[in-house]
Amino acid sequence: MTSPHASQQMLTGTLAMLLRHCLTTCPASSMQAAGLLARLADDPALDSDLREYCEQLSSRLYQQTQGQRA
């Protein structure tokens, strides 16, 4: 189980990586953000709604990145 402090740090890092992707459209940043979001989606310390949004956004980023590579 993840502590609330660790979850907050993970969320902060994830948002920073997501912002980097938004500003640069870097596929590596997108994949890193998607991976972090997937980890947050599995974190029982987070609210269920937040976990669901993390899962949805992670899936969307993976799909977009795969589309850019094709």
PDB file of N, CA and C in Angstrom:
ATOM      1  N   MET A   1       0.846  -1.181   0.000  1.00  0.00           N
ATOM      2  CA  MET A   1       0.000   0.000   0.000  1.00  0.00           C
ATOM      3  C   MET A   1       0.888   1.239   0.000  1.00  0.00           C
ATOM      4  N   THR A   2       0.501   2.225  -0.765  1.00  0.00           N
ATOM      5  CA  THR A   2       1.269   3.450  -0.900  1.00  0.00           C
ATOM      6  C   THR A   2       0.802   4.476   0.129  1.00  0.00           C
ATOM      7  N   SER A   3       1.734   5.195   0.716  1.00  0.00           N
ATOM      8  CA  SER A   3       1.361   6.224   1.678  1.00  0.00           C
ATOM      9  C   SER A   3       0.768   7.416   0.940  1.00  0.00           C
ATOM     10  N   PRO A   4      -0.079   8.194   1.616  1.00  0.00           N
ATOM     11  CA  PRO A   4      -0.653   9.384   0.973  1.00  0.00           C
ATOM     12  C   PRO A   4       0.420  10.361   0.491  1.00  0.00           C
ATOM     13  N   HIS A   5       1.515  10.478   1.246  1.00  0.00           N
ATOM     14  CA  HIS A   5       2.590  11.386   0.845  1.00  0.00           C
ATOM     15  C   HIS A   5       3.252  10.904  -0.446  1.00  0.00           C
ATOM     16  N   ALA A   6       3.502   9.603  -0.530  1.00  0.00           N
ATOM     17  CA  ALA A   6       4.103   9.045  -1.744  1.00  0.00           C
ATOM     18  C   ALA A   6       3.158   9.190  -2.925  1.00  0.00           C
ATOM     19  N   SER A   7       1.863   9.001  -2.704  1.00  0.00           N
ATOM     20  CA  SER A   7       0.881   9.173  -3.769  1.00  0.00           C
ATOM     21  C   SER A   7       0.864  10.619  -4.267  1.00  0.00           C
ATOM     22  N   GLN A   8       0.967  11.558  -3.331  1.00  0.00           N
ATOM     23  CA  GLN A   8       0.983  12.967  -3.710  1.00  0.00           C
ATOM     24  C   GLN A   8       2.228  13.291  -4.528  1.00  0.00           C
ATOM     25  N   GLN A   9       3.370  12.744  -4.129  1.00  0.00           N
ATOM     26  CA  GLN A   9       4.599  12.969  -4.888  1.00  0.00           C
ATOM     27  C   GLN A   9       4.491  12.367  -6.293  1.00  0.00           C
ATOM     28  N   MET A  10       3.910  11.169  -6.383  1.00  0.00           N
ATOM     29  CA  MET A  10       3.728  10.518  -7.677  1.00  0.00           C
ATOM     30  C   MET A  10       2.791  11.348  -8.559  1.00  0.00           C
ATOM     31  N   LEU A  11       1.726  11.852  -7.978  1.00  0.00           N
ATOM     32  CA  LEU A  11       0.788  12.675  -8.730  1.00  0.00           C
ATOM     33  C   LEU A  11       1.458  13.956  -9.220  1.00  0.00           C
ATOM     34  N   THR A  12       2.254  14.574  -8.379  1.00  0.00           N
ATOM     35  CA  THR A  12       2.979  15.788  -8.771  1.00  0.00           C
ATOM     36  C   THR A  12       3.935  15.506  -9.925  1.00  0.00           C
ATOM     37  N   GLY A  13       4.691  14.428  -9.829  1.00  0.00           N
ATOM     38  CA  GLY A  13       5.608  14.048 -10.905  1.00  0.00           C
ATOM     39  C   GLY A  13       4.880  13.717 -12.198  1.00  0.00           C
ATOM     40  N   THR A  14       3.748  13.065 -12.070  1.00  0.00           N
ATOM     41  CA  THR A  14       2.958  12.705 -13.243  1.00  0.00           C
ATOM     42  C   THR A  14       2.446  13.954 -13.951  1.00  0.00           C
ATOM     43  N   LEU A  15       1.939  14.903 -13.184  1.00  0.00           N
ATOM     44  CA  LEU A  15       1.448  16.147 -13.790  1.00  0.00           C
ATOM     45  C   LEU A  15       2.581  16.919 -14.455  1.00  0.00           C
ATOM     46  N   ALA A  16       3.762  16.901 -13.860  1.00  0.00           N
ATOM     47  CA  ALA A  16       4.914  17.568 -14.474  1.00  0.00           C
ATOM     48  C   ALA A  16       5.263  16.912 -15.810  1.00  0.00           C
ATOM     49  N   MET A  17       5.246  15.580 -15.863  1.00  0.00           N
ATOM     50  CA  MET A  17       5.554  14.871 -17.103  1.00  0.00           C
ATOM     51  C   MET A  17       4.464  15.107 -18.142  1.00  0.00           C
ATOM     52  N   LEU A  18       3.221  15.150 -17.704  1.00  0.00           N
ATOM     53  CA  LEU A  18       2.110  15.424 -18.616  1.00  0.00           C
ATOM     54  C   LEU A  18       2.222  16.834 -19.190  1.00  0.00           C
ATOM     55  N   LEU A  19       2.591  17.794 -18.369  1.00  0.00           N
ATOM     56  CA  LEU A  19       2.795  19.160 -18.852  1.00  0.00           C
ATOM     57  C   LEU A  19       3.934  19.203 -19.861  1.00  0.00           C
ATOM     58  N   ARG A  20       5.018  18.492 -19.595  1.00  0.00           N
ATOM     59  CA  ARG A  20       6.142  18.447 -20.535  1.00  0.00           C
ATOM     60  C   ARG A  20       5.670  17.910 -21.886  1.00  0.00           C
ATOM     61  N   HIS A  21       4.863  16.858 -21.841  1.00  0.00           N
ATOM     62  CA  HIS A  21       4.322  16.302 -23.094  1.00  0.00           C
ATOM     63  C   HIS A  21       3.454  17.338 -23.808  1.00  0.00           C
ATOM     64  N   CYS A  22       2.595  18.020 -23.074  1.00  0.00           N
ATOM     65  CA  CYS A  22       1.705  19.016 -23.687  1.00  0.00           C
ATOM     66  C   CYS A  22       2.484  20.166 -24.318  1.00  0.00           C
ATOM     67  N   LEU A  23       3.573  20.564 -23.694  1.00  0.00           N
ATOM     68  CA  LEU A  23       4.359  21.685 -24.200  1.00  0.00           C
ATOM     69  C   LEU A  23       5.264  21.297 -25.366  1.00  0.00           C
ATOM     70  N   THR A  24       5.711  20.052 -25.391  1.00  0.00           N
ATOM     71  CA  THR A  24       6.701  19.656 -26.391  1.00  0.00           C
ATOM     72  C   THR A  24       6.202  18.605 -27.381  1.00  0.00           C
ATOM     73  N   THR A  25       5.071  17.962 -27.072  1.00  0.00           N
ATOM     74  CA  THR A  25       4.549  16.813 -27.829  1.00  0.00           C
ATOM     75  C   THR A  25       5.577  15.695 -27.962  1.00  0.00           C
ATOM     76  N   CYS A  26       6.473  15.604 -27.009  1.00  0.00           N
ATOM     77  CA  CYS A  26       7.506  14.572 -27.001  1.00  0.00           C
ATOM     78  C   CYS A  26       6.872  13.204 -26.720  1.00  0.00           C
ATOM     79  N   PRO A  27       7.037  12.229 -27.635  1.00  0.00           N
ATOM     80  CA  PRO A  27       6.456  10.905 -27.411  1.00  0.00           C
ATOM     81  C   PRO A  27       7.012  10.209 -26.163  1.00  0.00           C
ATOM     82  N   ALA A  28       8.272  10.427 -25.849  1.00  0.00           N
ATOM     83  CA  ALA A  28       8.850   9.809 -24.651  1.00  0.00           C
ATOM     84  C   ALA A  28       8.171  10.345 -23.388  1.00  0.00           C
ATOM     85  N   SER A  29       7.917  11.640 -23.346  1.00  0.00           N
ATOM     86  CA  SER A  29       7.215  12.231 -22.202  1.00  0.00           C
ATOM     87  C   SER A  29       5.800  11.685 -22.105  1.00  0.00           C
ATOM     88  N   SER A  30       5.167  11.492 -23.245  1.00  0.00           N
ATOM     89  CA  SER A  30       3.822  10.933 -23.272  1.00  0.00           C
ATOM     90  C   SER A  30       3.815   9.527 -22.694  1.00  0.00           C
ATOM     91  N   MET A  31       4.757   8.702 -23.109  1.00  0.00           N
ATOM     92  CA  MET A  31       4.822   7.330 -22.615  1.00  0.00           C
ATOM     93  C   MET A  31       5.155   7.288 -21.124  1.00  0.00           C
ATOM     94  N   GLN A  32       6.037   8.179 -20.680  1.00  0.00           N
ATOM     95  CA  GLN A  32       6.371   8.233 -19.253  1.00  0.00           C
ATOM     96  C   GLN A  32       5.153   8.665 -18.442  1.00  0.00           C
ATOM     97  N   ALA A  33       4.443   9.675 -18.929  1.00  0.00           N
ATOM     98  CA  ALA A  33       3.246  10.138 -18.232  1.00  0.00           C
ATOM     99  C   ALA A  33       2.191   9.033 -18.204  1.00  0.00           C
ATOM    100  N   ALA A  34       2.020   8.326 -19.322  1.00  0.00           N
ATOM    101  CA  ALA A  34       1.035   7.241 -19.381  1.00  0.00           C
ATOM    102  C   ALA A  34       1.384   6.137 -18.387  1.00  0.00           C
ATOM    103  N   GLY A  35       2.654   5.809 -18.285  1.00  0.00           N
ATOM    104  CA  GLY A  35       3.077   4.782 -17.337  1.00  0.00           C
ATOM    105  C   GLY A  35       2.837   5.200 -15.894  1.00  0.00           C
ATOM    106  N   LEU A  36       3.143   6.449 -15.587  1.00  0.00           N
ATOM    107  CA  LEU A  36       2.909   6.955 -14.237  1.00  0.00           C
ATOM    108  C   LEU A  36       1.412   7.000 -13.920  1.00  0.00           C
ATOM    109  N   LEU A  37       0.622   7.405 -14.902  1.00  0.00           N
ATOM    110  CA  LEU A  37      -0.826   7.433 -14.711  1.00  0.00           C
ATOM    111  C   LEU A  37      -1.374   6.030 -14.469  1.00  0.00           C
ATOM    112  N   ALA A  38      -0.839   5.053 -15.173  1.00  0.00           N
ATOM    113  CA  ALA A  38      -1.272   3.666 -14.964  1.00  0.00           C
ATOM    114  C   ALA A  38      -0.937   3.214 -13.541  1.00  0.00           C
ATOM    115  N   ARG A  39       0.219   3.603 -13.046  1.00  0.00           N
ATOM    116  CA  ARG A  39       0.580   3.259 -11.662  1.00  0.00           C
ATOM    117  C   ARG A  39      -0.359   3.937 -10.666  1.00  0.00           C
ATOM    118  N   LEU A  40      -0.703   5.202 -10.938  1.00  0.00           N
ATOM    119  CA  LEU A  40      -1.636   5.907 -10.060  1.00  0.00           C
ATOM    120  C   LEU A  40      -3.015   5.249 -10.102  1.00  0.00           C
ATOM    121  N   ALA A  41      -3.417   4.761 -11.263  1.00  0.00           N
ATOM    122  CA  ALA A  41      -4.722   4.112 -11.400  1.00  0.00           C
ATOM    123  C   ALA A  41      -4.820   2.858 -10.539  1.00  0.00           C
ATOM    124  N   ASP A  42      -3.680   2.267 -10.224  1.00  0.00           N
ATOM    125  CA  ASP A  42      -3.639   1.059  -9.391  1.00  0.00           C
ATOM    126  C   ASP A  42      -3.383   1.348  -7.919  1.00  0.00           C
ATOM    127  N   ASP A  43      -3.296   2.616  -7.554  1.00  0.00           N
ATOM    128  CA  ASP A  43      -2.937   3.002  -6.184  1.00  0.00           C
ATOM    129  C   ASP A  43      -4.186   3.063  -5.297  1.00  0.00           C
ATOM    130  N   PRO A  44      -4.330   2.138  -4.364  1.00  0.00           N
ATOM    131  CA  PRO A  44      -5.517   2.129  -3.505  1.00  0.00           C
ATOM    132  C   PRO A  44      -5.599   3.322  -2.550  1.00  0.00           C
ATOM    133  N   ALA A  45      -4.508   4.059  -2.400  1.00  0.00           N
ATOM    134  CA  ALA A  45      -4.531   5.225  -1.507  1.00  0.00           C
ATOM    135  C   ALA A  45      -5.267   6.404  -2.138  1.00  0.00           C
ATOM    136  N   LEU A  46      -5.516   6.323  -3.458  1.00  0.00           N
ATOM    137  CA  LEU A  46      -6.196   7.415  -4.148  1.00  0.00           C
ATOM    138  C   LEU A  46      -7.695   7.165  -4.236  1.00  0.00           C
ATOM    139  N   ASP A  47      -8.429   8.238  -4.346  1.00  0.00           N
ATOM    140  CA  ASP A  47      -9.869   8.210  -4.531  1.00  0.00           C
ATOM    141  C   ASP A  47     -10.222   7.413  -5.797  1.00  0.00           C
ATOM    142  N   SER A  48     -11.304   6.672  -5.760  1.00  0.00           N
ATOM    143  CA  SER A  48     -11.675   5.825  -6.909  1.00  0.00           C
ATOM    144  C   SER A  48     -11.945   6.645  -8.171  1.00  0.00           C
ATOM    145  N   ASP A  49     -12.527   7.824  -8.044  1.00  0.00           N
ATOM    146  CA  ASP A  49     -12.759   8.667  -9.222  1.00  0.00           C
ATOM    147  C   ASP A  49     -11.437   9.112  -9.840  1.00  0.00           C
ATOM    148  N   LEU A  50     -10.490   9.510  -8.997  1.00  0.00           N
ATOM    149  CA  LEU A  50      -9.182   9.924  -9.493  1.00  0.00           C
ATOM    150  C   LEU A  50      -8.474   8.763 -10.175  1.00  0.00           C
ATOM    151  N   ARG A  51      -8.573   7.574  -9.597  1.00  0.00           N
ATOM    152  CA  ARG A  51      -7.962   6.400 -10.227  1.00  0.00           C
ATOM    153  C   ARG A  51      -8.572   6.134 -11.599  1.00  0.00           C
ATOM    154  N   GLU A  52      -9.873   6.293 -11.713  1.00  0.00           N
ATOM    155  CA  GLU A  52     -10.551   6.073 -13.000  1.00  0.00           C
ATOM    156  C   GLU A  52     -10.079   7.095 -14.037  1.00  0.00           C
ATOM    157  N   TYR A  53      -9.967   8.357 -13.642  1.00  0.00           N
ATOM    158  CA  TYR A  53      -9.475   9.390 -14.572  1.00  0.00           C
ATOM    159  C   TYR A  53      -8.031   9.103 -14.989  1.00  0.00           C
ATOM    160  N   CYS A  54      -7.229   8.650 -14.055  1.00  0.00           N
ATOM    161  CA  CYS A  54      -5.841   8.304 -14.383  1.00  0.00           C
ATOM    162  C   CYS A  54      -5.803   7.173 -15.409  1.00  0.00           C
ATOM    163  N   GLU A  55      -6.640   6.176 -15.228  1.00  0.00           N
ATOM    164  CA  GLU A  55      -6.697   5.050 -16.165  1.00  0.00           C
ATOM    165  C   GLU A  55      -7.125   5.526 -17.557  1.00  0.00           C
ATOM    166  N   GLN A  56      -8.142   6.361 -17.610  1.00  0.00           N
ATOM    167  CA  GLN A  56      -8.630   6.866 -18.895  1.00  0.00           C
ATOM    168  C   GLN A  56      -7.571   7.700 -19.610  1.00  0.00           C
ATOM    169  N   LEU A  57      -6.919   8.575 -18.874  1.00  0.00           N
ATOM    170  CA  LEU A  57      -5.893   9.422 -19.474  1.00  0.00           C
ATOM    171  C   LEU A  57      -4.680   8.603 -19.897  1.00  0.00           C
ATOM    172  N   SER A  58      -4.309   7.624 -19.105  1.00  0.00           N
ATOM    173  CA  SER A  58      -3.206   6.744 -19.466  1.00  0.00           C
ATOM    174  C   SER A  58      -3.504   6.026 -20.780  1.00  0.00           C
ATOM    175  N   SER A  59      -4.683   5.474 -20.892  1.00  0.00           N
ATOM    176  CA  SER A  59      -5.077   4.773 -22.123  1.00  0.00           C
ATOM    177  C   SER A  59      -5.050   5.711 -23.320  1.00  0.00           C
ATOM    178  N   ARG A  60      -5.551   6.900 -23.133  1.00  0.00           N
ATOM    179  CA  ARG A  60      -5.577   7.888 -24.225  1.00  0.00           C
ATOM    180  C   ARG A  60      -4.157   8.249 -24.676  1.00  0.00           C
ATOM    181  N   LEU A  61      -3.264   8.468 -23.738  1.00  0.00           N
ATOM    182  CA  LEU A  61      -1.884   8.804 -24.090  1.00  0.00           C
ATOM    183  C   LEU A  61      -1.202   7.656 -24.818  1.00  0.00           C
ATOM    184  N   TYR A  62      -1.417   6.423 -24.357  1.00  0.00           N
ATOM    185  CA  TYR A  62      -0.839   5.255 -25.041  1.00  0.00           C
ATOM    186  C   TYR A  62      -1.347   5.183 -26.481  1.00  0.00           C
ATOM    187  N   GLN A  63      -2.657   5.375 -26.662  1.00  0.00           N
ATOM    188  CA  GLN A  63      -3.249   5.319 -28.002  1.00  0.00           C
ATOM    189  C   GLN A  63      -2.686   6.409 -28.902  1.00  0.00           C
ATOM    190  N   GLN A  64      -2.601   7.624 -28.403  1.00  0.00           N
ATOM    191  CA  GLN A  64      -2.076   8.731 -29.198  1.00  0.00           C
ATOM    192  C   GLN A  64      -0.627   8.483 -29.586  1.00  0.00           C
ATOM    193  N   THR A  65       0.161   8.001 -28.654  1.00  0.00           N
ATOM    194  CA  THR A  65       1.582   7.766 -28.924  1.00  0.00           C
ATOM    195  C   THR A  65       1.752   6.650 -29.939  1.00  0.00           C
ATOM    196  N   GLN A  66       0.951   5.603 -29.824  1.00  0.00           N
ATOM    197  CA  GLN A  66       1.023   4.515 -30.801  1.00  0.00           C
ATOM    198  C   GLN A  66       0.601   5.008 -32.178  1.00  0.00           C
ATOM    199  N   GLY A  67      -0.378   5.913 -32.246  1.00  0.00           N
ATOM    200  CA  GLY A  67      -0.809   6.484 -33.511  1.00  0.00           C
ATOM    201  C   GLY A  67       0.272   7.341 -34.155  1.00  0.00           C
ATOM    202  N   GLN A  68       1.065   8.022 -33.345  1.00  0.00           N
ATOM    203  CA  GLN A  68       2.152   8.861 -33.872  1.00  0.00           C
ATOM    204  C   GLN A  68       3.273   8.010 -34.437  1.00  0.00           C
ATOM    205  N   ARG A  69       3.453   6.813 -33.897  1.00  0.00           N
ATOM    206  CA  ARG A  69       4.529   5.938 -34.334  1.00  0.00           C
ATOM    207  C   ARG A  69       4.183   5.200 -35.625  1.00  0.00           C
ATOM    208  N   ALA A  70       2.886   5.089 -35.918  1.00  0.00           N
ATOM    209  CA  ALA A  70       2.460   4.321 -37.105  1.00  0.00           C
ATOM    210  C   ALA A  70       2.721   5.086 -38.395  1.00  0.00           C
TER     211      ALA A  70
END
